[in-house]
Amino acid sequence: MSSVIQVTDSTFKQEVLDNELPVLVDFWAQWCGPCKMVAPIVDELATQYEGQVKVVKLDTDQNSAIAKEYGIRSIPTLMIFKQGQKVDTVVGAVPKTTLINAIDKHL
């Protein structure tokens, strides 16, 4: 079972911005092919970094306010937040190593 949490416009602040751990946010949508390619990698990262990094997903179709606030123009977009601030962004279906490198920089 994946430890990835679904967040919404209303839970984003509590789950992401107010979190003590770094948070990896996967901005995705149901219809997005590349998002489906990244999903298993995101699930693996949630397990690999359990206790070090919180991993959440935000459906941009259902939660457009947060997507708009962070200027999400293409998906998948993965952002890393640390102490309430966006510290890194990776856009597109990228290899797992790219995401690991991005996460490791902020641990």
N, C-alpha and C. Protein backbone atom coordinates (compact mmCIF):
# COMPACT_ATOMS: atom_id res chain seq x y z
N MET A 1 0.85 -1.21 0.00
CA MET A 1 0.00 0.00 0.00
C MET A 1 0.88 1.25 0.00
N SER A 2 0.56 2.16 -0.86
CA SER A 2 1.34 3.38 -1.00
C SER A 2 1.09 4.33 0.17
N SER A 3 2.14 5.06 0.54
CA SER A 3 1.96 6.05 1.61
C SER A 3 1.80 7.44 1.03
N VAL A 4 1.38 7.51 -0.24
CA VAL A 4 1.13 8.79 -0.90
C VAL A 4 -0.25 9.29 -0.48
N ILE A 5 -0.32 10.54 -0.07
CA ILE A 5 -1.57 11.14 0.40
C ILE A 5 -2.14 12.05 -0.68
N GLN A 6 -3.44 11.97 -0.91
CA GLN A 6 -4.11 12.89 -1.84
C GLN A 6 -4.40 14.18 -1.08
N VAL A 7 -3.98 15.31 -1.65
CA VAL A 7 -4.29 16.59 -1.02
C VAL A 7 -5.22 17.38 -1.93
N THR A 8 -5.89 18.37 -1.34
CA THR A 8 -6.83 19.20 -2.08
C THR A 8 -6.50 20.66 -1.82
N ASP A 9 -7.20 21.54 -2.51
CA ASP A 9 -7.02 22.97 -2.26
C ASP A 9 -7.16 23.27 -0.77
N SER A 10 -8.12 22.62 -0.12
CA SER A 10 -8.40 22.94 1.28
C SER A 10 -7.42 22.29 2.26
N THR A 11 -6.76 21.19 1.87
CA THR A 11 -5.84 20.53 2.81
C THR A 11 -4.37 20.82 2.49
N PHE A 12 -4.10 21.54 1.40
CA PHE A 12 -2.73 21.78 0.94
C PHE A 12 -1.88 22.47 2.01
N LYS A 13 -2.41 23.53 2.61
CA LYS A 13 -1.64 24.28 3.60
C LYS A 13 -1.25 23.37 4.77
N GLN A 14 -2.22 22.66 5.31
CA GLN A 14 -1.98 21.79 6.46
C GLN A 14 -1.02 20.65 6.11
N GLU A 15 -1.25 19.98 4.99
CA GLU A 15 -0.48 18.78 4.62
C GLU A 15 0.90 19.10 4.06
N VAL A 16 1.04 20.24 3.37
CA VAL A 16 2.29 20.56 2.68
C VAL A 16 3.04 21.70 3.35
N LEU A 17 2.41 22.87 3.40
CA LEU A 17 3.11 24.07 3.86
C LEU A 17 3.45 24.03 5.35
N ASP A 18 2.56 23.42 6.15
CA ASP A 18 2.77 23.39 7.60
C ASP A 18 3.51 22.13 8.06
N ASN A 19 4.03 21.33 7.11
CA ASN A 19 4.68 20.08 7.47
C ASN A 19 6.14 20.31 7.84
N GLU A 20 6.61 19.56 8.83
CA GLU A 20 8.00 19.71 9.26
C GLU A 20 8.97 19.02 8.32
N LEU A 21 8.53 17.96 7.68
CA LEU A 21 9.37 17.24 6.72
C LEU A 21 9.35 17.96 5.38
N PRO A 22 10.39 17.76 4.55
CA PRO A 22 10.26 18.19 3.15
C PRO A 22 9.08 17.43 2.52
N VAL A 23 8.39 18.07 1.59
CA VAL A 23 7.21 17.45 0.97
C VAL A 23 7.38 17.45 -0.55
N LEU A 24 7.22 16.27 -1.15
CA LEU A 24 7.21 16.15 -2.61
C LEU A 24 5.76 16.15 -3.05
N VAL A 25 5.39 17.13 -3.88
CA VAL A 25 4.01 17.24 -4.37
C VAL A 25 3.98 16.87 -5.84
N ASP A 26 3.16 15.87 -6.17
CA ASP A 26 2.97 15.44 -7.56
C ASP A 26 1.68 16.09 -8.06
N PHE A 27 1.83 17.10 -8.94
CA PHE A 27 0.66 17.72 -9.58
C PHE A 27 0.33 16.88 -10.81
N TRP A 28 -0.89 16.33 -10.86
CA TRP A 28 -1.26 15.39 -11.90
C TRP A 28 -2.73 15.55 -12.27
N ALA A 29 -3.16 14.80 -13.28
CA ALA A 29 -4.59 14.72 -13.63
C ALA A 29 -4.88 13.32 -14.17
N GLN A 30 -6.14 12.93 -14.05
CA GLN A 30 -6.59 11.59 -14.43
C GLN A 30 -6.28 11.27 -15.90
N TRP A 31 -6.44 12.24 -16.78
CA TRP A 31 -6.31 12.03 -18.22
C TRP A 31 -4.86 12.07 -18.73
N CYS A 32 -3.92 12.40 -17.85
CA CYS A 32 -2.53 12.68 -18.25
C CYS A 32 -1.70 11.39 -18.36
N GLY A 33 -1.31 11.04 -19.58
CA GLY A 33 -0.50 9.85 -19.82
C GLY A 33 0.84 9.87 -19.10
N PRO A 34 1.64 10.94 -19.27
CA PRO A 34 2.93 10.99 -18.57
C PRO A 34 2.78 10.93 -17.04
N CYS A 35 1.66 11.45 -16.51
CA CYS A 35 1.41 11.37 -15.06
C CYS A 35 1.31 9.92 -14.63
N LYS A 36 0.67 9.10 -15.46
CA LYS A 36 0.51 7.68 -15.15
C LYS A 36 1.86 6.97 -15.19
N MET A 37 2.78 7.46 -16.05
CA MET A 37 4.12 6.88 -16.12
C MET A 37 4.92 7.21 -14.86
N VAL A 38 4.72 8.38 -14.31
CA VAL A 38 5.47 8.84 -13.13
C VAL A 38 4.87 8.27 -11.84
N ALA A 39 3.59 7.96 -11.84
CA ALA A 39 2.89 7.52 -10.62
C ALA A 39 3.59 6.38 -9.88
N PRO A 40 4.02 5.29 -10.56
CA PRO A 40 4.69 4.21 -9.82
C PRO A 40 6.02 4.67 -9.20
N ILE A 41 6.71 5.57 -9.87
CA ILE A 41 7.98 6.10 -9.34
C ILE A 41 7.71 6.91 -8.07
N VAL A 42 6.66 7.74 -8.13
CA VAL A 42 6.28 8.55 -6.97
C VAL A 42 5.93 7.62 -5.79
N ASP A 43 5.20 6.54 -6.08
CA ASP A 43 4.86 5.56 -5.03
C ASP A 43 6.11 4.94 -4.43
N GLU A 44 7.09 4.58 -5.29
CA GLU A 44 8.34 3.99 -4.81
C GLU A 44 9.10 4.98 -3.92
N LEU A 45 9.11 6.25 -4.34
CA LEU A 45 9.82 7.27 -3.57
C LEU A 45 9.17 7.46 -2.20
N ALA A 46 7.85 7.37 -2.15
CA ALA A 46 7.14 7.51 -0.88
C ALA A 46 7.60 6.44 0.10
N THR A 47 7.80 5.22 -0.41
CA THR A 47 8.27 4.11 0.43
C THR A 47 9.74 4.30 0.78
N GLN A 48 10.55 4.63 -0.23
CA GLN A 48 11.99 4.78 -0.05
C GLN A 48 12.35 5.87 0.96
N TYR A 49 11.58 6.97 0.95
CA TYR A 49 11.90 8.11 1.81
C TYR A 49 10.96 8.23 3.01
N GLU A 50 10.27 7.16 3.32
CA GLU A 50 9.32 7.19 4.44
C GLU A 50 10.02 7.68 5.71
N GLY A 51 9.41 8.64 6.39
CA GLY A 51 9.99 9.20 7.60
C GLY A 51 10.94 10.37 7.33
N GLN A 52 11.38 10.52 6.06
CA GLN A 52 12.29 11.62 5.70
C GLN A 52 11.59 12.67 4.85
N VAL A 53 10.72 12.18 3.96
CA VAL A 53 10.01 13.07 3.03
C VAL A 53 8.56 12.63 2.97
N LYS A 54 7.66 13.60 3.03
CA LYS A 54 6.23 13.30 2.85
C LYS A 54 5.93 13.42 1.36
N VAL A 55 5.18 12.48 0.82
CA VAL A 55 4.84 12.50 -0.61
C VAL A 55 3.33 12.63 -0.75
N VAL A 56 2.89 13.63 -1.53
CA VAL A 56 1.46 13.85 -1.73
C VAL A 56 1.18 14.06 -3.22
N LYS A 57 -0.07 13.85 -3.58
CA LYS A 57 -0.52 14.09 -4.96
C LYS A 57 -1.66 15.09 -4.94
N LEU A 58 -1.67 15.98 -5.94
CA LEU A 58 -2.75 16.95 -6.06
C LEU A 58 -3.29 16.88 -7.48
N ASP A 59 -4.57 16.52 -7.60
CA ASP A 59 -5.24 16.44 -8.91
C ASP A 59 -5.56 17.87 -9.36
N THR A 60 -4.89 18.32 -10.42
CA THR A 60 -5.03 19.72 -10.85
C THR A 60 -6.41 20.03 -11.41
N ASP A 61 -7.12 19.02 -11.91
CA ASP A 61 -8.48 19.26 -12.41
C ASP A 61 -9.44 19.53 -11.26
N GLN A 62 -9.25 18.82 -10.15
CA GLN A 62 -10.15 18.96 -9.01
C GLN A 62 -9.75 20.12 -8.10
N ASN A 63 -8.50 20.55 -8.19
CA ASN A 63 -7.96 21.54 -7.25
C ASN A 63 -7.20 22.63 -8.00
N SER A 64 -7.94 23.40 -8.78
CA SER A 64 -7.30 24.37 -9.67
C SER A 64 -6.71 25.58 -8.94
N ALA A 65 -7.21 25.89 -7.75
CA ALA A 65 -6.71 27.07 -7.03
C ALA A 65 -5.22 26.94 -6.70
N ILE A 66 -4.84 25.79 -6.13
CA ILE A 66 -3.42 25.56 -5.78
C ILE A 66 -2.59 25.46 -7.05
N ALA A 67 -3.09 24.76 -8.06
CA ALA A 67 -2.35 24.64 -9.34
C ALA A 67 -2.09 26.02 -9.92
N LYS A 68 -3.09 26.87 -9.87
CA LYS A 68 -2.95 28.24 -10.39
C LYS A 68 -1.94 29.04 -9.55
N GLU A 69 -2.06 28.90 -8.23
CA GLU A 69 -1.18 29.64 -7.32
C GLU A 69 0.30 29.34 -7.59
N TYR A 70 0.60 28.10 -7.94
CA TYR A 70 1.99 27.71 -8.18
C TYR A 70 2.35 27.68 -9.67
N GLY A 71 1.47 28.22 -10.50
CA GLY A 71 1.77 28.37 -11.92
C GLY A 71 1.97 27.06 -12.66
N ILE A 72 1.20 26.05 -12.30
CA ILE A 72 1.32 24.76 -12.98
C ILE A 72 0.75 24.89 -14.38
N ARG A 73 1.61 24.78 -15.39
CA ARG A 73 1.18 24.90 -16.79
C ARG A 73 1.20 23.57 -17.52
N SER A 74 2.09 22.68 -17.09
CA SER A 74 2.11 21.34 -17.69
C SER A 74 2.27 20.32 -16.58
N ILE A 75 1.71 19.15 -16.82
CA ILE A 75 1.78 18.09 -15.83
C ILE A 75 2.36 16.85 -16.50
N PRO A 76 3.00 15.96 -15.77
CA PRO A 76 3.22 16.07 -14.33
C PRO A 76 4.26 17.15 -13.99
N THR A 77 3.99 17.86 -12.92
CA THR A 77 4.97 18.75 -12.31
C THR A 77 5.15 18.27 -10.88
N LEU A 78 6.40 18.07 -10.49
CA LEU A 78 6.69 17.65 -9.11
C LEU A 78 7.44 18.77 -8.44
N MET A 79 6.93 19.21 -7.30
CA MET A 79 7.57 20.30 -6.55
C MET A 79 7.97 19.79 -5.18
N ILE A 80 9.10 20.31 -4.70
CA ILE A 80 9.54 19.99 -3.36
C ILE A 80 9.38 21.25 -2.51
N PHE A 81 8.71 21.07 -1.38
CA PHE A 81 8.49 22.17 -0.44
C PHE A 81 9.26 21.85 0.83
N LYS A 82 9.88 22.87 1.40
CA LYS A 82 10.61 22.71 2.65
C LYS A 82 10.28 23.90 3.52
N GLN A 83 9.79 23.63 4.73
CA GLN A 83 9.40 24.68 5.68
C GLN A 83 8.46 25.70 5.03
N GLY A 84 7.49 25.18 4.26
CA GLY A 84 6.46 26.04 3.66
C GLY A 84 6.88 26.75 2.39
N GLN A 85 8.12 26.55 1.94
CA GLN A 85 8.60 27.24 0.73
C GLN A 85 8.87 26.24 -0.38
N LYS A 86 8.53 26.62 -1.60
CA LYS A 86 8.87 25.79 -2.76
C LYS A 86 10.38 25.91 -2.98
N VAL A 87 11.10 24.79 -2.97
CA VAL A 87 12.55 24.83 -3.12
C VAL A 87 13.04 24.17 -4.41
N ASP A 88 12.17 23.39 -5.08
CA ASP A 88 12.60 22.74 -6.32
C ASP A 88 11.38 22.35 -7.14
N THR A 89 11.59 22.29 -8.47
CA THR A 89 10.52 21.90 -9.38
C THR A 89 11.10 21.00 -10.47
N VAL A 90 10.41 19.91 -10.75
CA VAL A 90 10.77 19.02 -11.86
C VAL A 90 9.52 18.86 -12.71
N VAL A 91 9.66 19.16 -14.01
CA VAL A 91 8.50 19.09 -14.91
C VAL A 91 8.67 17.93 -15.88
N GLY A 92 7.59 17.16 -16.05
CA GLY A 92 7.59 16.10 -17.05
C GLY A 92 7.85 14.73 -16.44
N ALA A 93 7.69 13.72 -17.31
CA ALA A 93 7.93 12.34 -16.90
C ALA A 93 9.44 12.11 -16.94
N VAL A 94 10.07 12.18 -15.79
CA VAL A 94 11.52 12.08 -15.69
C VAL A 94 11.93 10.75 -15.05
N PRO A 95 13.17 10.33 -15.25
CA PRO A 95 13.63 9.09 -14.60
C PRO A 95 13.65 9.23 -13.09
N LYS A 96 13.56 8.10 -12.42
CA LYS A 96 13.56 8.07 -10.95
C LYS A 96 14.81 8.76 -10.39
N THR A 97 15.96 8.58 -11.05
CA THR A 97 17.21 9.17 -10.57
C THR A 97 17.13 10.70 -10.52
N THR A 98 16.42 11.30 -11.48
CA THR A 98 16.26 12.76 -11.49
C THR A 98 15.53 13.22 -10.24
N LEU A 99 14.49 12.49 -9.88
CA LEU A 99 13.71 12.84 -8.68
C LEU A 99 14.51 12.58 -7.41
N ILE A 100 15.26 11.48 -7.39
CA ILE A 100 16.08 11.18 -6.21
C ILE A 100 17.11 12.29 -6.01
N ASN A 101 17.75 12.73 -7.08
CA ASN A 101 18.74 13.81 -6.98
C ASN A 101 18.09 15.09 -6.45
N ALA A 102 16.89 15.41 -6.94
CA ALA A 102 16.18 16.61 -6.49
C ALA A 102 15.84 16.50 -5.00
N ILE A 103 15.36 15.35 -4.57
CA ILE A 103 14.99 15.15 -3.16
C ILE A 103 16.22 15.21 -2.28
N ASP A 104 17.27 14.50 -2.68
CA ASP A 104 18.48 14.40 -1.85
C ASP A 104 19.11 15.77 -1.58
N LYS A 105 18.97 16.69 -2.55
CA LYS A 105 19.53 18.04 -2.38
C LYS A 105 18.91 18.77 -1.19
N HIS A 106 17.70 18.37 -0.81
CA HIS A 106 16.95 19.12 0.20
C HIS A 106 16.79 18.36 1.52
N LEU A 107 17.50 17.26 1.66
CA LEU A 107 17.42 16.50 2.92
C LEU A 107 18.45 17.02 3.91
